[in-house]
Amino acid sequence: MATDPGRAAHVAEQMSAAGQIGLRKMFGEYAVYLQGKVVALICDNRLFVKRTAGTVPLLPDPQMGPPYPGAKPHIQADILLDDPDALAALVLAVAHDLPGPKPKAPKKVQIPKA
């Protein structure tokens, strides 16, 4: 079941205290970006946040589950949608723990043969 765009927009709004939240639609679901890093996924209208060392003090015993078959378990964070401050703190902790995006390689210039 694909995620409803309205649900994705609501999730982004609820975590907006963390900073500029970006959404990218992928295969009917959404990746949630903060600081250029994927911090969460919205799959089947449910919010899944990556588990990192920084999230452990915030949620010591979270409910975990895979966002899609074969994925690593993520924090099932739907309950935090009612607490935007806690949700913002959680995604900020994830963004802090993840490495920055890799720089894109420069495009190679094609020199026409004479």
C-alpha atoms as a PDB file:
ATOM      1  CA  MET A   1       0.000   0.000   0.000  1.00  0.00           C
ATOM      2  CA  ALA A   2       1.464   3.354  -1.004  1.00  0.00           C
ATOM      3  CA  THR A   3       1.752   6.197   1.481  1.00  0.00           C
ATOM      4  CA  ASP A   4      -0.781   9.012   1.184  1.00  0.00           C
ATOM      5  CA  PRO A   5       0.891  12.336   0.227  1.00  0.00           C
ATOM      6  CA  GLY A   6      -1.181  14.124   2.889  1.00  0.00           C
ATOM      7  CA  ARG A   7       0.179  11.781   5.544  1.00  0.00           C
ATOM      8  CA  ALA A   8       3.742  12.454   4.399  1.00  0.00           C
ATOM      9  CA  ALA A   9       3.147  16.217   4.530  1.00  0.00           C
ATOM     10  CA  HIS A  10       1.701  15.888   8.054  1.00  0.00           C
ATOM     11  CA  VAL A  11       4.771  13.947   9.231  1.00  0.00           C
ATOM     12  CA  ALA A  12       7.101  16.593   7.752  1.00  0.00           C
ATOM     13  CA  GLU A  13       5.105  19.344   9.460  1.00  0.00           C
ATOM     14  CA  GLN A  14       5.242  17.573  12.819  1.00  0.00           C
ATOM     15  CA  MET A  15       9.056  17.319  12.698  1.00  0.00           C
ATOM     16  CA  SER A  16       9.645  20.782  11.217  1.00  0.00           C
ATOM     17  CA  ALA A  17      11.057  22.088  14.529  1.00  0.00           C
ATOM     18  CA  ALA A  18      14.197  20.061  13.679  1.00  0.00           C
ATOM     19  CA  GLY A  19      14.887  22.242  10.632  1.00  0.00           C
ATOM     20  CA  GLN A  20      14.274  22.070   6.906  1.00  0.00           C
ATOM     21  CA  ILE A  21      12.608  18.694   6.298  1.00  0.00           C
ATOM     22  CA  GLY A  22      12.643  17.279   2.786  1.00  0.00           C
ATOM     23  CA  LEU A  23      10.510  14.493   1.388  1.00  0.00           C
ATOM     24  CA  ARG A  24      11.374  12.373  -1.605  1.00  0.00           C
ATOM     25  CA  LYS A  25       8.873   9.964  -3.067  1.00  0.00           C
ATOM     26  CA  MET A  26      10.362   6.552  -3.767  1.00  0.00           C
ATOM     27  CA  PHE A  27       8.365   3.583  -5.023  1.00  0.00           C
ATOM     28  CA  GLY A  28       5.121   4.974  -3.577  1.00  0.00           C
ATOM     29  CA  GLU A  29       6.724   5.587  -0.178  1.00  0.00           C
ATOM     30  CA  TYR A  30       8.761   8.528   1.166  1.00  0.00           C
ATOM     31  CA  ALA A  31      12.294   9.139   2.391  1.00  0.00           C
ATOM     32  CA  VAL A  32      12.564  11.930   4.973  1.00  0.00           C
ATOM     33  CA  TYR A  33      15.653  14.144   4.714  1.00  0.00           C
ATOM     34  CA  LEU A  34      17.217  16.451   7.279  1.00  0.00           C
ATOM     35  CA  GLN A  35      20.548  18.189   6.635  1.00  0.00           C
ATOM     36  CA  GLY A  36      20.865  16.224   3.381  1.00  0.00           C
ATOM     37  CA  LYS A  37      20.646  12.886   5.224  1.00  0.00           C
ATOM     38  CA  VAL A  38      17.895  10.266   5.184  1.00  0.00           C
ATOM     39  CA  VAL A  39      16.712  10.184   8.799  1.00  0.00           C
ATOM     40  CA  ALA A  40      13.412   8.354   8.397  1.00  0.00           C
ATOM     41  CA  LEU A  41      11.097   6.531   6.030  1.00  0.00           C
ATOM     42  CA  ILE A  42       7.339   6.739   5.675  1.00  0.00           C
ATOM     43  CA  CYS A  43       6.053   3.369   4.481  1.00  0.00           C
ATOM     44  CA  ASP A  44       2.438   2.215   4.428  1.00  0.00           C
ATOM     45  CA  ASN A  45       1.489   5.506   6.154  1.00  0.00           C
ATOM     46  CA  ARG A  46       3.745   4.658   9.120  1.00  0.00           C
ATOM     47  CA  LEU A  47       6.827   6.558  10.296  1.00  0.00           C
ATOM     48  CA  PHE A  48      10.091   4.647  10.718  1.00  0.00           C
ATOM     49  CA  VAL A  49      13.111   6.492  12.131  1.00  0.00           C
ATOM     50  CA  LYS A  50      16.656   5.135  11.850  1.00  0.00           C
ATOM     51  CA  ARG A  51      18.090   3.825  15.114  1.00  0.00           C
ATOM     52  CA  THR A  52      21.480   5.340  15.980  1.00  0.00           C
ATOM     53  CA  ALA A  53      23.553   5.725  19.143  1.00  0.00           C
ATOM     54  CA  GLY A  54      22.056   9.184  19.693  1.00  0.00           C
ATOM     55  CA  THR A  55      18.500   7.853  19.767  1.00  0.00           C
ATOM     56  CA  VAL A  56      19.140   5.369  22.597  1.00  0.00           C
ATOM     57  CA  PRO A  57      19.004   7.976  25.430  1.00  0.00           C
ATOM     58  CA  LEU A  58      15.859   9.497  23.913  1.00  0.00           C
ATOM     59  CA  LEU A  59      14.025   6.179  23.441  1.00  0.00           C
ATOM     60  CA  PRO A  60      15.761   3.450  25.440  1.00  0.00           C
ATOM     61  CA  ASP A  61      13.234   0.706  24.594  1.00  0.00           C
ATOM     62  CA  PRO A  62      11.406   1.677  21.380  1.00  0.00           C
ATOM     63  CA  GLN A  63       9.076  -0.479  19.364  1.00  0.00           C
ATOM     64  CA  MET A  64      11.107  -1.659  16.370  1.00  0.00           C
ATOM     65  CA  GLY A  65      10.147  -3.025  12.978  1.00  0.00           C
ATOM     66  CA  PRO A  66      11.268  -3.082   9.355  1.00  0.00           C
ATOM     67  CA  PRO A  67       9.762  -0.399   7.095  1.00  0.00           C
ATOM     68  CA  TYR A  68       9.665  -2.904   4.214  1.00  0.00           C
ATOM     69  CA  PRO A  69      10.502  -6.593   3.808  1.00  0.00           C
ATOM     70  CA  GLY A  70      14.215  -7.274   4.128  1.00  0.00           C
ATOM     71  CA  ALA A  71      15.045  -3.904   5.738  1.00  0.00           C
ATOM     72  CA  LYS A  72      16.900  -3.445   9.013  1.00  0.00           C
ATOM     73  CA  PRO A  73      14.589  -2.694  11.958  1.00  0.00           C
ATOM     74  CA  HIS A  74      13.814   0.980  12.488  1.00  0.00           C
ATOM     75  CA  ILE A  75      12.087   2.789  15.344  1.00  0.00           C
ATOM     76  CA  GLN A  76       8.333   2.771  14.782  1.00  0.00           C
ATOM     77  CA  ALA A  77       7.736   6.412  15.638  1.00  0.00           C
ATOM     78  CA  ASP A  78       4.059   7.036  14.853  1.00  0.00           C
ATOM     79  CA  ILE A  79       3.344   7.639  18.552  1.00  0.00           C
ATOM     80  CA  LEU A  80       5.730  10.610  18.497  1.00  0.00           C
ATOM     81  CA  LEU A  81       3.596  12.431  15.928  1.00  0.00           C
ATOM     82  CA  ASP A  82       1.580  13.699  18.923  1.00  0.00           C
ATOM     83  CA  ASP A  83       4.780  15.128  20.468  1.00  0.00           C
ATOM     84  CA  PRO A  84       6.504  17.283  17.820  1.00  0.00           C
ATOM     85  CA  ASP A  85       9.296  18.372  20.163  1.00  0.00           C
ATOM     86  CA  ALA A  86      10.282  14.785  20.983  1.00  0.00           C
ATOM     87  CA  LEU A  87      10.061  13.849  17.296  1.00  0.00           C
ATOM     88  CA  ALA A  88      12.269  16.797  16.317  1.00  0.00           C
ATOM     89  CA  ALA A  89      14.835  15.825  18.962  1.00  0.00           C
ATOM     90  CA  LEU A  90      14.835  12.246  17.690  1.00  0.00           C
ATOM     91  CA  VAL A  91      15.454  13.134  14.035  1.00  0.00           C
ATOM     92  CA  LEU A  92      18.097  15.702  15.015  1.00  0.00           C
ATOM     93  CA  ALA A  93      19.931  12.974  16.946  1.00  0.00           C
ATOM     94  CA  VAL A  94      19.812  10.726  13.883  1.00  0.00           C
ATOM     95  CA  ALA A  95      21.071  13.501  11.581  1.00  0.00           C
ATOM     96  CA  HIS A  96      23.909  14.235  14.006  1.00  0.00           C
ATOM     97  CA  ASP A  97      24.994  10.571  14.061  1.00  0.00           C
ATOM     98  CA  LEU A  98      24.891   9.937  10.307  1.00  0.00           C
ATOM     99  CA  PRO A  99      27.784  10.840   8.005  1.00  0.00           C
ATOM    100  CA  GLY A 100      27.280  13.691   5.589  1.00  0.00           C
ATOM    101  CA  PRO A 101      26.245  13.060   1.996  1.00  0.00           C
ATOM    102  CA  LYS A 102      29.052  12.100  -0.353  1.00  0.00           C
ATOM    103  CA  PRO A 103      30.095  14.874  -2.740  1.00  0.00           C
ATOM    104  CA  LYS A 104      29.028  14.323  -6.307  1.00  0.00           C
ATOM    105  CA  ALA A 105      31.769  13.600  -8.809  1.00  0.00           C
ATOM    106  CA  PRO A 106      32.283  16.330 -11.388  1.00  0.00           C
ATOM    107  CA  LYS A 107      30.896  15.630 -14.809  1.00  0.00           C
ATOM    108  CA  LYS A 108      33.418  14.571 -17.391  1.00  0.00           C
ATOM    109  CA  VAL A 109      33.676  16.864 -20.368  1.00  0.00           C
ATOM    110  CA  GLN A 110      33.384  15.109 -23.704  1.00  0.00           C
ATOM    111  CA  ILE A 111      35.804  16.562 -26.240  1.00  0.00           C
ATOM    112  CA  PRO A 112      34.489  16.059 -29.771  1.00  0.00           C
ATOM    113  CA  LYS A 113      36.834  14.231 -32.088  1.00  0.00           C
ATOM    114  CA  ALA A 114      37.905  16.130 -35.160  1.00  0.00           C
END
